[in-house]
C-alpha atoms as a PDB file:
ATOM      1  CA  UNK A   1       0.000   0.000   0.000  1.00  0.00           C
ATOM      2  CA  UNK A   2       0.853   3.699  -0.092  1.00  0.00           C
ATOM      3  CA  UNK A   3       0.416   6.511   2.414  1.00  0.00           C
ATOM      4  CA  UNK A   4       1.434   9.782   0.814  1.00  0.00           C
ATOM      5  CA  UNK A   5       4.997   9.375  -0.486  1.00  0.00           C
ATOM      6  CA  UNK A   6       5.622   6.369   1.758  1.00  0.00           C
ATOM      7  CA  UNK A   7       5.055   2.864   0.404  1.00  0.00           C
ATOM      8  CA  UNK A   8       4.702  -0.148   2.687  1.00  0.00           C
ATOM      9  CA  UNK A   9       4.597  -3.909   2.254  1.00  0.00           C
ATOM     10  CA  UNK A  10       3.631  -6.669   4.677  1.00  0.00           C
ATOM     11  CA  UNK A  11       3.891 -10.390   3.962  1.00  0.00           C
ATOM     12  CA  UNK A  12       2.362 -13.124   6.104  1.00  0.00           C
ATOM     13  CA  UNK A  13       2.707 -16.873   5.688  1.00  0.00           C
ATOM     14  CA  UNK A  14       0.951 -19.285   8.049  1.00  0.00           C
ATOM     15  CA  UNK A  15       1.411 -23.030   7.569  1.00  0.00           C
ATOM     16  CA  UNK A  16      -0.254 -25.807   9.534  1.00  0.00           C
ATOM     17  CA  UNK A  17       0.936 -29.376   8.915  1.00  0.00           C
ATOM     18  CA  UNK A  18      -1.652 -32.041   9.743  1.00  0.00           C
ATOM     19  CA  UNK A  19       0.868 -34.826  10.290  1.00  0.00           C
ATOM     20  CA  UNK A  20       1.718 -37.461  12.848  1.00  0.00           C
ATOM     21  CA  UNK A  21       2.090 -36.355  16.463  1.00  0.00           C
ATOM     22  CA  UNK A  22       4.792 -38.985  17.028  1.00  0.00           C
ATOM     23  CA  UNK A  23       8.408 -38.242  16.214  1.00  0.00           C
ATOM     24  CA  UNK A  24      10.813 -40.629  14.522  1.00  0.00           C
ATOM     25  CA  UNK A  25      13.299 -42.981  16.193  1.00  0.00           C
ATOM     26  CA  UNK A  26      16.816 -43.035  14.728  1.00  0.00           C
ATOM     27  CA  UNK A  27      19.005 -45.746  16.247  1.00  0.00           C
ATOM     28  CA  UNK A  28      21.703 -45.968  13.577  1.00  0.00           C
ATOM     29  CA  UNK A  29      25.208 -44.473  13.698  1.00  0.00           C
ATOM     30  CA  UNK A  30      25.135 -40.689  13.703  1.00  0.00           C
ATOM     31  CA  UNK A  31      21.530 -40.402  14.838  1.00  0.00           C
ATOM     32  CA  UNK A  32      19.089 -38.444  12.672  1.00  0.00           C
ATOM     33  CA  UNK A  33      19.666 -37.985   8.913  1.00  0.00           C
ATOM     34  CA  UNK A  34      21.693 -35.016   7.662  1.00  0.00           C
ATOM     35  CA  UNK A  35      20.482 -31.639   8.990  1.00  0.00           C
ATOM     36  CA  UNK A  36      17.976 -33.469  11.172  1.00  0.00           C
ATOM     37  CA  UNK A  37      15.944 -35.075   8.409  1.00  0.00           C
ATOM     38  CA  UNK A  38      14.000 -31.987   7.274  1.00  0.00           C
ATOM     39  CA  UNK A  39      11.870 -33.825   4.645  1.00  0.00           C
ATOM     40  CA  UNK A  40      10.648 -36.177   7.410  1.00  0.00           C
ATOM     41  CA  UNK A  41      10.290 -33.376   9.953  1.00  0.00           C
ATOM     42  CA  UNK A  42       7.997 -31.505   7.582  1.00  0.00           C
ATOM     43  CA  UNK A  43       5.525 -34.405   7.669  1.00  0.00           C
ATOM     44  CA  UNK A  44       5.086 -34.165  11.461  1.00  0.00           C
ATOM     45  CA  UNK A  45       2.376 -31.963  12.970  1.00  0.00           C
ATOM     46  CA  UNK A  46       3.574 -28.362  13.264  1.00  0.00           C
ATOM     47  CA  UNK A  47       2.621 -24.708  12.998  1.00  0.00           C
ATOM     48  CA  UNK A  48       4.928 -22.278  11.162  1.00  0.00           C
ATOM     49  CA  UNK A  49       4.407 -18.517  10.886  1.00  0.00           C
ATOM     50  CA  UNK A  50       6.560 -16.024   8.999  1.00  0.00           C
ATOM     51  CA  UNK A  51       5.931 -12.295   8.793  1.00  0.00           C
ATOM     52  CA  UNK A  52       7.783  -9.290   7.428  1.00  0.00           C
ATOM     53  CA  UNK A  53       6.980  -5.584   7.236  1.00  0.00           C
ATOM     54  CA  UNK A  54       8.849  -2.729   5.598  1.00  0.00           C
ATOM     55  CA  UNK A  55       8.003   0.916   4.884  1.00  0.00           C
ATOM     56  CA  UNK A  56       9.823   2.622   1.993  1.00  0.00           C
ATOM     57  CA  UNK A  57      10.277   6.391   2.302  1.00  0.00           C
ATOM     58  CA  UNK A  58      11.925   8.035  -0.721  1.00  0.00           C
ATOM     59  CA  UNK A  59      13.506  11.470  -0.466  1.00  0.00           C
ATOM     60  CA  UNK A  60      15.252  12.478  -3.683  1.00  0.00           C
ATOM     61  CA  UNK A  61      18.027   9.952  -4.365  1.00  0.00           C
ATOM     62  CA  UNK A  62      17.836   8.719  -0.770  1.00  0.00           C
ATOM     63  CA  UNK A  63      15.494   6.175   0.746  1.00  0.00           C
ATOM     64  CA  UNK A  64      14.790   5.181   4.342  1.00  0.00           C
ATOM     65  CA  UNK A  65      13.127   1.933   5.361  1.00  0.00           C
ATOM     66  CA  UNK A  66      12.214   0.608   8.811  1.00  0.00           C
ATOM     67  CA  UNK A  67      11.772  -3.180   8.789  1.00  0.00           C
ATOM     68  CA  UNK A  68      10.399  -5.857  11.116  1.00  0.00           C
ATOM     69  CA  UNK A  69      10.291  -9.653  10.673  1.00  0.00           C
ATOM     70  CA  UNK A  70       9.305 -12.696  12.701  1.00  0.00           C
ATOM     71  CA  UNK A  71       9.586 -16.486  12.461  1.00  0.00           C
ATOM     72  CA  UNK A  72       7.719 -18.829  14.815  1.00  0.00           C
ATOM     73  CA  UNK A  73       8.085 -22.616  14.516  1.00  0.00           C
ATOM     74  CA  UNK A  74       6.011 -24.677  16.934  1.00  0.00           C
ATOM     75  CA  UNK A  75       6.376 -28.437  16.684  1.00  0.00           C
ATOM     76  CA  UNK A  76       3.210 -30.148  17.875  1.00  0.00           C
ATOM     77  CA  UNK A  77       4.691 -33.635  18.204  1.00  0.00           C
ATOM     78  CA  UNK A  78       4.891 -35.616  21.428  1.00  0.00           C
ATOM     79  CA  UNK A  79       8.052 -35.034  23.476  1.00  0.00           C
ATOM     80  CA  UNK A  80       9.680 -37.932  25.332  1.00  0.00           C
ATOM     81  CA  UNK A  81      12.363 -38.237  27.982  1.00  0.00           C
ATOM     82  CA  UNK A  82      15.657 -39.107  26.183  1.00  0.00           C
ATOM     83  CA  UNK A  83      16.723 -41.180  29.206  1.00  0.00           C
ATOM     84  CA  UNK A  84      13.796 -43.528  28.541  1.00  0.00           C
ATOM     85  CA  UNK A  85      13.740 -43.143  24.726  1.00  0.00           C
ATOM     86  CA  UNK A  86      17.407 -42.543  23.783  1.00  0.00           C
ATOM     87  CA  UNK A  87      16.892 -42.602  19.976  1.00  0.00           C
ATOM     88  CA  UNK A  88      13.561 -40.771  19.808  1.00  0.00           C
ATOM     89  CA  UNK A  89      13.577 -37.503  17.822  1.00  0.00           C
ATOM     90  CA  UNK A  90      12.278 -34.636  19.915  1.00  0.00           C
ATOM     91  CA  UNK A  91      11.708 -31.341  18.120  1.00  0.00           C
ATOM     92  CA  UNK A  92      12.655 -28.052  19.777  1.00  0.00           C
ATOM     93  CA  UNK A  93      10.366 -25.043  19.251  1.00  0.00           C
ATOM     94  CA  UNK A  94      12.234 -21.965  18.059  1.00  0.00           C
ATOM     95  CA  UNK A  95      11.412 -18.310  17.331  1.00  0.00           C
ATOM     96  CA  UNK A  96      13.248 -15.421  15.690  1.00  0.00           C
ATOM     97  CA  UNK A  97      12.223 -11.744  15.857  1.00  0.00           C
ATOM     98  CA  UNK A  98      14.161  -8.772  14.542  1.00  0.00           C
ATOM     99  CA  UNK A  99      13.715  -5.108  13.718  1.00  0.00           C
ATOM    100  CA  UNK A 100      15.947  -2.545  12.098  1.00  0.00           C
ATOM    101  CA  UNK A 101      16.455   0.288   9.668  1.00  0.00           C
ATOM    102  CA  UNK A 102      17.876   0.681   6.140  1.00  0.00           C
ATOM    103  CA  UNK A 103      19.280   3.895   4.632  1.00  0.00           C
ATOM    104  CA  UNK A 104      20.103   3.872   0.921  1.00  0.00           C
ATOM    105  CA  UNK A 105      21.302   6.123  -1.884  1.00  0.00           C
ATOM    106  CA  UNK A 106      20.640   5.789  -5.617  1.00  0.00           C
ATOM    107  CA  UNK A 107      23.960   5.178  -7.402  1.00  0.00           C
ATOM    108  CA  UNK A 108      22.690   4.199 -10.855  1.00  0.00           C
ATOM    109  CA  UNK A 109      19.490   4.471 -12.876  1.00  0.00           C
ATOM    110  CA  UNK A 110      17.716   1.593 -11.141  1.00  0.00           C
ATOM    111  CA  UNK A 111      19.992   0.594  -8.261  1.00  0.00           C
ATOM    112  CA  UNK A 112      20.853   1.764  -4.742  1.00  0.00           C
ATOM    113  CA  UNK A 113      23.570   1.145  -2.179  1.00  0.00           C
ATOM    114  CA  UNK A 114      22.440   0.974   1.432  1.00  0.00           C
ATOM    115  CA  UNK A 115      23.523   0.488   5.031  1.00  0.00           C
ATOM    116  CA  UNK A 116      21.382  -1.583   7.409  1.00  0.00           C
ATOM    117  CA  UNK A 117      21.204  -2.407  11.090  1.00  0.00           C
ATOM    118  CA  UNK A 118      19.217  -5.242  12.648  1.00  0.00           C
ATOM    119  CA  UNK A 119      18.591  -6.061  16.289  1.00  0.00           C
ATOM    120  CA  UNK A 120      16.973  -9.403  17.025  1.00  0.00           C
ATOM    121  CA  UNK A 121      16.550 -12.276  19.401  1.00  0.00           C
ATOM    122  CA  UNK A 122      16.164 -16.009  18.940  1.00  0.00           C
ATOM    123  CA  UNK A 123      14.516 -18.320  21.449  1.00  0.00           C
ATOM    124  CA  UNK A 124      14.918 -22.083  21.805  1.00  0.00           C
ATOM    125  CA  UNK A 125      12.798 -24.126  24.215  1.00  0.00           C
ATOM    126  CA  UNK A 126      14.071 -26.729  26.648  1.00  0.00           C
ATOM    127  CA  UNK A 127      13.426 -30.439  26.232  1.00  0.00           C
ATOM    128  CA  UNK A 128      12.322 -33.007  28.828  1.00  0.00           C
ATOM    129  CA  UNK A 129      13.188 -34.172  31.460  1.00  0.00           C
ATOM    130  CA  UNK A 130      13.747 -30.563  32.549  1.00  0.00           C
ATOM    131  CA  UNK A 131      16.060 -27.545  32.237  1.00  0.00           C
ATOM    132  CA  UNK A 132      19.025 -28.274  29.982  1.00  0.00           C
ATOM    133  CA  UNK A 133      21.296 -26.423  27.595  1.00  0.00           C
ATOM    134  CA  UNK A 134      19.614 -23.983  25.242  1.00  0.00           C
ATOM    135  CA  UNK A 135      20.941 -21.525  22.717  1.00  0.00           C
ATOM    136  CA  UNK A 136      18.558 -18.590  23.016  1.00  0.00           C
ATOM    137  CA  UNK A 137      20.420 -15.415  22.096  1.00  0.00           C
ATOM    138  CA  UNK A 138      20.332 -11.760  21.106  1.00  0.00           C
ATOM    139  CA  UNK A 139      22.073 -10.527  17.964  1.00  0.00           C
ATOM    140  CA  UNK A 140      22.979  -7.381  16.077  1.00  0.00           C
ATOM    141  CA  UNK A 141      23.851  -7.134  12.389  1.00  0.00           C
ATOM    142  CA  UNK A 142      25.517  -4.262  10.566  1.00  0.00           C
ATOM    143  CA  UNK A 143      25.006  -4.857   6.859  1.00  0.00           C
ATOM    144  CA  UNK A 144      25.936  -3.194   3.596  1.00  0.00           C
ATOM    145  CA  UNK A 145      24.189  -3.993   0.371  1.00  0.00           C
ATOM    146  CA  UNK A 146      22.838  -3.191  -3.039  1.00  0.00           C
ATOM    147  CA  UNK A 147      19.425  -3.657  -4.577  1.00  0.00           C
ATOM    148  CA  UNK A 148      18.177  -3.040  -8.089  1.00  0.00           C
ATOM    149  CA  UNK A 149      19.453  -3.375 -11.645  1.00  0.00           C
ATOM    150  CA  UNK A 150      23.099  -3.022 -12.607  1.00  0.00           C
ATOM    151  CA  UNK A 151      22.007  -3.255 -16.268  1.00  0.00           C
ATOM    152  CA  UNK A 152      18.668  -4.014 -17.920  1.00  0.00           C
ATOM    153  CA  UNK A 153      19.590  -7.724 -17.960  1.00  0.00           C
ATOM    154  CA  UNK A 154      21.165  -8.047 -14.485  1.00  0.00           C
ATOM    155  CA  UNK A 155      19.266  -7.626 -11.212  1.00  0.00           C
ATOM    156  CA  UNK A 156      21.296  -7.913  -7.988  1.00  0.00           C
ATOM    157  CA  UNK A 157      20.252  -7.864  -4.317  1.00  0.00           C
ATOM    158  CA  UNK A 158      22.742  -8.207  -1.461  1.00  0.00           C
ATOM    159  CA  UNK A 159      22.799  -7.986   2.329  1.00  0.00           C
ATOM    160  CA  UNK A 160      26.190  -8.858   3.858  1.00  0.00           C
ATOM    161  CA  UNK A 161      28.012  -8.061   7.058  1.00  0.00           C
ATOM    162  CA  UNK A 162      29.043  -9.114  10.568  1.00  0.00           C
ATOM    163  CA  UNK A 163      26.614 -10.678  13.023  1.00  0.00           C
ATOM    164  CA  UNK A 164      27.376 -10.256  16.743  1.00  0.00           C
ATOM    165  CA  UNK A 165      25.795 -12.736  19.173  1.00  0.00           C
ATOM    166  CA  UNK A 166      25.140 -12.835  22.895  1.00  0.00           C
ATOM    167  CA  UNK A 167      24.082 -16.293  24.037  1.00  0.00           C
ATOM    168  CA  UNK A 168      22.479 -15.316  27.318  1.00  0.00           C
ATOM    169  CA  UNK A 169      21.113 -18.667  28.511  1.00  0.00           C
ATOM    170  CA  UNK A 170      22.529 -22.016  29.685  1.00  0.00           C
ATOM    171  CA  UNK A 171      25.180 -23.072  27.172  1.00  0.00           C
ATOM    172  CA  UNK A 172      27.770 -25.852  27.675  1.00  0.00           C
ATOM    173  CA  UNK A 173      31.160 -25.120  29.261  1.00  0.00           C
ATOM    174  CA  UNK A 174      33.675 -23.887  26.684  1.00  0.00           C
ATOM    175  CA  UNK A 175      31.029 -22.594  24.276  1.00  0.00           C
ATOM    176  CA  UNK A 176      31.823 -19.131  22.869  1.00  0.00           C
ATOM    177  CA  UNK A 177      28.890 -17.027  24.101  1.00  0.00           C
ATOM    178  CA  UNK A 178      29.907 -13.871  22.167  1.00  0.00           C
ATOM    179  CA  UNK A 179      30.947 -14.949  18.659  1.00  0.00           C
ATOM    180  CA  UNK A 180      31.185 -12.724  15.594  1.00  0.00           C
ATOM    181  CA  UNK A 181      29.629 -14.413  12.560  1.00  0.00           C
ATOM    182  CA  UNK A 182      28.913 -13.688   8.892  1.00  0.00           C
ATOM    183  CA  UNK A 183      25.426 -12.973   7.563  1.00  0.00           C
ATOM    184  CA  UNK A 184      24.747 -13.137   3.805  1.00  0.00           C
ATOM    185  CA  UNK A 185      21.498 -12.849   1.851  1.00  0.00           C
ATOM    186  CA  UNK A 186      22.051 -12.429  -1.883  1.00  0.00           C
ATOM    187  CA  UNK A 187      20.235 -13.001  -5.161  1.00  0.00           C
ATOM    188  CA  UNK A 188      21.203 -12.532  -8.800  1.00  0.00           C
ATOM    189  CA  UNK A 189      18.897 -12.654 -11.832  1.00  0.00           C
ATOM    190  CA  UNK A 190      20.398 -12.820 -15.322  1.00  0.00           C
ATOM    191  CA  UNK A 191      17.979 -12.290 -18.218  1.00  0.00           C
ATOM    192  CA  UNK A 192      20.040 -13.717 -21.074  1.00  0.00           C
ATOM    193  CA  UNK A 193      17.281 -13.666 -23.700  1.00  0.00           C
ATOM    194  CA  UNK A 194      13.496 -13.387 -23.755  1.00  0.00           C
ATOM    195  CA  UNK A 195      13.447 -17.164 -23.298  1.00  0.00           C
ATOM    196  CA  UNK A 196      16.341 -17.754 -20.863  1.00  0.00           C
ATOM    197  CA  UNK A 197      16.733 -16.629 -17.256  1.00  0.00           C
ATOM    198  CA  UNK A 198      19.332 -17.680 -14.679  1.00  0.00           C
ATOM    199  CA  UNK A 199      18.644 -17.228 -10.948  1.00  0.00           C
ATOM    200  CA  UNK A 200      21.253 -17.535  -8.207  1.00  0.00           C
ATOM    201  CA  UNK A 201      20.660 -17.174  -4.469  1.00  0.00           C
ATOM    202  CA  UNK A 202      22.877 -17.549  -1.424  1.00  0.00           C
ATOM    203  CA  UNK A 203      21.972 -17.286   2.232  1.00  0.00           C
ATOM    204  CA  UNK A 204      23.985 -17.873   5.405  1.00  0.00           C
ATOM    205  CA  UNK A 205      22.858 -17.193   8.965  1.00  0.00           C
ATOM    206  CA  UNK A 206      23.067 -18.687  12.454  1.00  0.00           C
ATOM    207  CA  UNK A 207      20.061 -20.180  14.241  1.00  0.00           C
ATOM    208  CA  UNK A 208      19.190 -22.675  16.995  1.00  0.00           C
ATOM    209  CA  UNK A 209      18.660 -26.225  15.788  1.00  0.00           C
ATOM    210  CA  UNK A 210      15.269 -27.930  15.829  1.00  0.00           C
ATOM    211  CA  UNK A 211      16.364 -31.492  16.675  1.00  0.00           C
ATOM    212  CA  UNK A 212      18.433 -31.066  19.845  1.00  0.00           C
ATOM    213  CA  UNK A 213      19.567 -28.042  21.872  1.00  0.00           C
ATOM    214  CA  UNK A 214      22.387 -26.705  19.670  1.00  0.00           C
ATOM    215  CA  UNK A 215      23.152 -23.952  17.168  1.00  0.00           C
ATOM    216  CA  UNK A 216      24.317 -24.133  13.553  1.00  0.00           C
ATOM    217  CA  UNK A 217      25.055 -22.088  10.440  1.00  0.00           C
ATOM    218  CA  UNK A 218      22.246 -22.546   7.912  1.00  0.00           C
ATOM    219  CA  UNK A 219      23.815 -22.216   4.430  1.00  0.00           C
ATOM    220  CA  UNK A 220      22.094 -22.381   1.023  1.00  0.00           C
ATOM    221  CA  UNK A 221      23.453 -22.019  -2.516  1.00  0.00           C
ATOM    222  CA  UNK A 222      20.815 -22.293  -5.238  1.00  0.00           C
ATOM    223  CA  UNK A 223      21.111 -21.836  -9.007  1.00  0.00           C
ATOM    224  CA  UNK A 224      18.493 -22.447 -11.697  1.00  0.00           C
ATOM    225  CA  UNK A 225      18.120 -21.920 -15.436  1.00  0.00           C
ATOM    226  CA  UNK A 226      14.655 -21.375 -16.900  1.00  0.00           C
ATOM    227  CA  UNK A 227      14.022 -21.751 -20.627  1.00  0.00           C
ATOM    228  CA  UNK A 228      10.688 -20.944 -22.275  1.00  0.00           C
ATOM    229  CA  UNK A 229      10.065 -22.983 -25.407  1.00  0.00           C
ATOM    230  CA  UNK A 230       6.881 -20.989 -26.068  1.00  0.00           C
ATOM    231  CA  UNK A 231       4.318 -19.092 -23.937  1.00  0.00           C
ATOM    232  CA  UNK A 232       2.743 -22.395 -22.831  1.00  0.00           C
ATOM    233  CA  UNK A 233       5.775 -24.642 -22.202  1.00  0.00           C
ATOM    234  CA  UNK A 234       8.889 -24.002 -20.111  1.00  0.00           C
ATOM    235  CA  UNK A 235      11.613 -26.033 -18.387  1.00  0.00           C
ATOM    236  CA  UNK A 236      13.832 -25.406 -15.342  1.00  0.00           C
ATOM    237  CA  UNK A 237      17.148 -27.077 -14.490  1.00  0.00           C
ATOM    238  CA  UNK A 238      18.554 -26.397 -11.049  1.00  0.00           C
ATOM    239  CA  UNK A 239      21.132 -27.305  -8.425  1.00  0.00           C
ATOM    240  CA  UNK A 240      21.043 -26.645  -4.678  1.00  0.00           C
ATOM    241  CA  UNK A 241      23.690 -27.138  -2.016  1.00  0.00           C
ATOM    242  CA  UNK A 242      22.207 -26.924   1.472  1.00  0.00           C
ATOM    243  CA  UNK A 243      24.534 -27.105   4.464  1.00  0.00           C
ATOM    244  CA  UNK A 244      24.416 -27.166   8.230  1.00  0.00           C
ATOM    245  CA  UNK A 245      27.615 -26.462  10.187  1.00  0.00           C
ATOM    246  CA  UNK A 246      27.145 -27.021  13.921  1.00  0.00           C
ATOM    247  CA  UNK A 247      29.090 -25.173  16.596  1.00  0.00           C
ATOM    248  CA  UNK A 248      31.107 -27.360  19.041  1.00  0.00           C
ATOM    249  CA  UNK A 249      30.615 -29.202  21.328  1.00  0.00           C
ATOM    250  CA  UNK A 250      28.025 -30.637  18.887  1.00  0.00           C
ATOM    251  CA  UNK A 251      29.935 -32.479  16.139  1.00  0.00           C
ATOM    252  CA  UNK A 252      27.901 -32.269  12.927  1.00  0.00           C
ATOM    253  CA  UNK A 253      28.718 -30.884   9.503  1.00  0.00           C
ATOM    254  CA  UNK A 254      26.162 -31.915   6.870  1.00  0.00           C
ATOM    255  CA  UNK A 255      25.490 -31.057   3.234  1.00  0.00           C
ATOM    256  CA  UNK A 256      22.645 -32.056   0.938  1.00  0.00           C
ATOM    257  CA  UNK A 257      23.248 -31.689  -2.819  1.00  0.00           C
ATOM    258  CA  UNK A 258      20.166 -31.591  -5.041  1.00  0.00           C
ATOM    259  CA  UNK A 259      20.106 -31.428  -8.854  1.00  0.00           C
ATOM    260  CA  UNK A 260      16.605 -31.039 -10.291  1.00  0.00           C
ATOM    261  CA  UNK A 261      14.582 -30.800 -13.511  1.00  0.00           C
ATOM    262  CA  UNK A 262      11.042 -29.517 -14.043  1.00  0.00           C
ATOM    263  CA  UNK A 263       8.562 -28.964 -16.888  1.00  0.00           C
ATOM    264  CA  UNK A 264       5.657 -26.527 -16.728  1.00  0.00           C
ATOM    265  CA  UNK A 265       2.766 -26.509 -19.193  1.00  0.00           C
ATOM    266  CA  UNK A 266       0.075 -23.813 -19.134  1.00  0.00           C
ATOM    267  CA  UNK A 267      -2.617 -24.587 -21.726  1.00  0.00           C
ATOM    268  CA  UNK A 268      -4.824 -21.675 -20.607  1.00  0.00           C
ATOM    269  CA  UNK A 269      -4.882 -18.654 -18.307  1.00  0.00           C
ATOM    270  CA  UNK A 270      -6.444 -20.757 -15.538  1.00  0.00           C
ATOM    271  CA  UNK A 271      -4.819 -24.201 -15.785  1.00  0.00           C
ATOM    272  CA  UNK A 272      -1.195 -25.260 -15.359  1.00  0.00           C
ATOM    273  CA  UNK A 273       0.546 -28.633 -15.049  1.00  0.00           C
ATOM    274  CA  UNK A 274       3.986 -29.221 -13.494  1.00  0.00           C
ATOM    275  CA  UNK A 275       6.211 -32.297 -13.623  1.00  0.00           C
ATOM    276  CA  UNK A 276       9.386 -32.268 -11.523  1.00  0.00           C
ATOM    277  CA  UNK A 277      12.248 -34.588 -10.558  1.00  0.00           C
ATOM    278  CA  UNK A 278      14.967 -34.081  -7.950  1.00  0.00           C
ATOM    279  CA  UNK A 279      17.765 -36.193  -6.499  1.00  0.00           C
ATOM    280  CA  UNK A 280      19.130 -35.614  -2.980  1.00  0.00           C
ATOM    281  CA  UNK A 281      22.551 -36.784  -1.883  1.00  0.00           C
ATOM    282  CA  UNK A 282      23.461 -36.097   1.746  1.00  0.00           C
ATOM    283  CA  UNK A 283      27.078 -36.155   2.950  1.00  0.00           C
ATOM    284  CA  UNK A 284      28.350 -35.917   6.519  1.00  0.00           C
ATOM    285  CA  UNK A 285      31.827 -34.397   6.853  1.00  0.00           C
ATOM    286  CA  UNK A 286      32.278 -35.706  10.408  1.00  0.00           C
ATOM    287  CA  UNK A 287      33.930 -39.160  10.825  1.00  0.00           C
ATOM    288  CA  UNK A 288      31.811 -42.079  12.058  1.00  0.00           C
ATOM    289  CA  UNK A 289      28.557 -40.345  11.095  1.00  0.00           C
ATOM    290  CA  UNK A 290      27.757 -42.403   8.010  1.00  0.00           C
ATOM    291  CA  UNK A 291      24.240 -43.040   9.301  1.00  0.00           C
ATOM    292  CA  UNK A 292      23.426 -39.410   8.551  1.00  0.00           C
ATOM    293  CA  UNK A 293      24.057 -39.905   4.837  1.00  0.00           C
ATOM    294  CA  UNK A 294      21.269 -40.817   2.420  1.00  0.00           C
ATOM    295  CA  UNK A 295      20.029 -40.491  -1.156  1.00  0.00           C
ATOM    296  CA  UNK A 296      16.484 -39.713  -2.254  1.00  0.00           C
ATOM    297  CA  UNK A 297      14.667 -39.613  -5.601  1.00  0.00           C
ATOM    298  CA  UNK A 298      11.549 -37.463  -5.723  1.00  0.00           C
ATOM    299  CA  UNK A 299       9.071 -37.229  -8.591  1.00  0.00           C
ATOM    300  CA  UNK A 300       6.197 -34.744  -8.327  1.00  0.00           C
ATOM    301  CA  UNK A 301       3.185 -34.051 -10.535  1.00  0.00           C
ATOM    302  CA  UNK A 302       1.151 -30.920  -9.873  1.00  0.00           C
ATOM    303  CA  UNK A 303      -2.112 -29.602 -11.293  1.00  0.00           C
ATOM    304  CA  UNK A 304      -3.219 -26.040 -10.516  1.00  0.00           C
ATOM    305  CA  UNK A 305      -6.337 -24.062 -11.293  1.00  0.00           C
ATOM    306  CA  UNK A 306      -6.246 -20.268 -10.818  1.00  0.00           C
ATOM    307  CA  UNK A 307      -9.406 -18.240 -10.548  1.00  0.00           C
END
């Protein structure tokens, strides 16, 4: 919406998963699959809410933008005492809230440099049988970036900078409670021709884990090439590398590599059909954790009607 010369945008996404209330039991070497077995986790009962708000105030070549975002992930599965169920997968509720301010200046026809600050806090619940380690924390980020078009065929968005943490709850002995980390959120869109587009995204940030009380760097590299054969038929080839690097004393370092192919057919303005294939290969970089590694083939057929 718009209020005078100020434009604002708010996005809300609420997801409820009507899945099993019972978690999984992983008794093999290494415990749960790589990065906690996210594809299986997302079939358990849960409630996920994401929200973001930003107000864009333009003043000549300058712009100013306050921003707020939230992430709430409540797992609605049964929790069990690990002393009685040593291989049962409990899920740890986690939340992330932050607010901040961006100040930018137009440096080219359709692009701006900016400086950003974010203050936020992350919360991680305890697990049974009672109080234990948790990695709730406060953080501040000082970011520089660019958003807009460098040329008519290249769009570039970037947030990058240091992330200072204060882990202010019960962490294990020897854990660094005031680390300085790297935050990156970047995207690149190359419009090669009217029929060919390449998208690249990268994101890296720290957050509490969902499987056990711990904290890890969540890292994603994603590239895709879309080719339109005609207005009705298009294809996408992609590759994603998704990593989780845990902070000691937890010893986990997992990556999932996923090449994919998809076809999309839109015979009319209302109907569309999608056929997709992807292959996951998970690797654990920590010795004696082979049980965390897996492969998965996924074929999906989708039919959508828009009205």
